Amino acid sequence: MWYKKTFEELTTLEFYKCLKLRLETFVVEQNSVYNDLDEHDLEAIHIFHENEAGEVDAYARVFETGTTIHFGRVVTAASTRG
């Protein structure tokens, strides 16, 4: 099921699952050593998909500024990539 939530609407568990996917992909898999957790998470709209097992397997941060939309941290789990 797909979800669209602000930071305040996320449960602790949902945020943990989203961060887990981001870290597994961007830091571990892509070997990009940087602090993935930043202040932008507080102002972003978080879009994510939970599979039937309750795991987050897709995620993106979205920022709306006026009439412009920016996407960041777009990620899918390795197990779901074609």
Foldseek 3Di string as FASTA:
>chain_A
DKDKAALVPDDPVRVVLLVVQLCVPVCVVVVDDDPPDDPVSNQWIKMFDADPVRHTFWIWTWHDDPPDIDIDSTGGHPVPDD
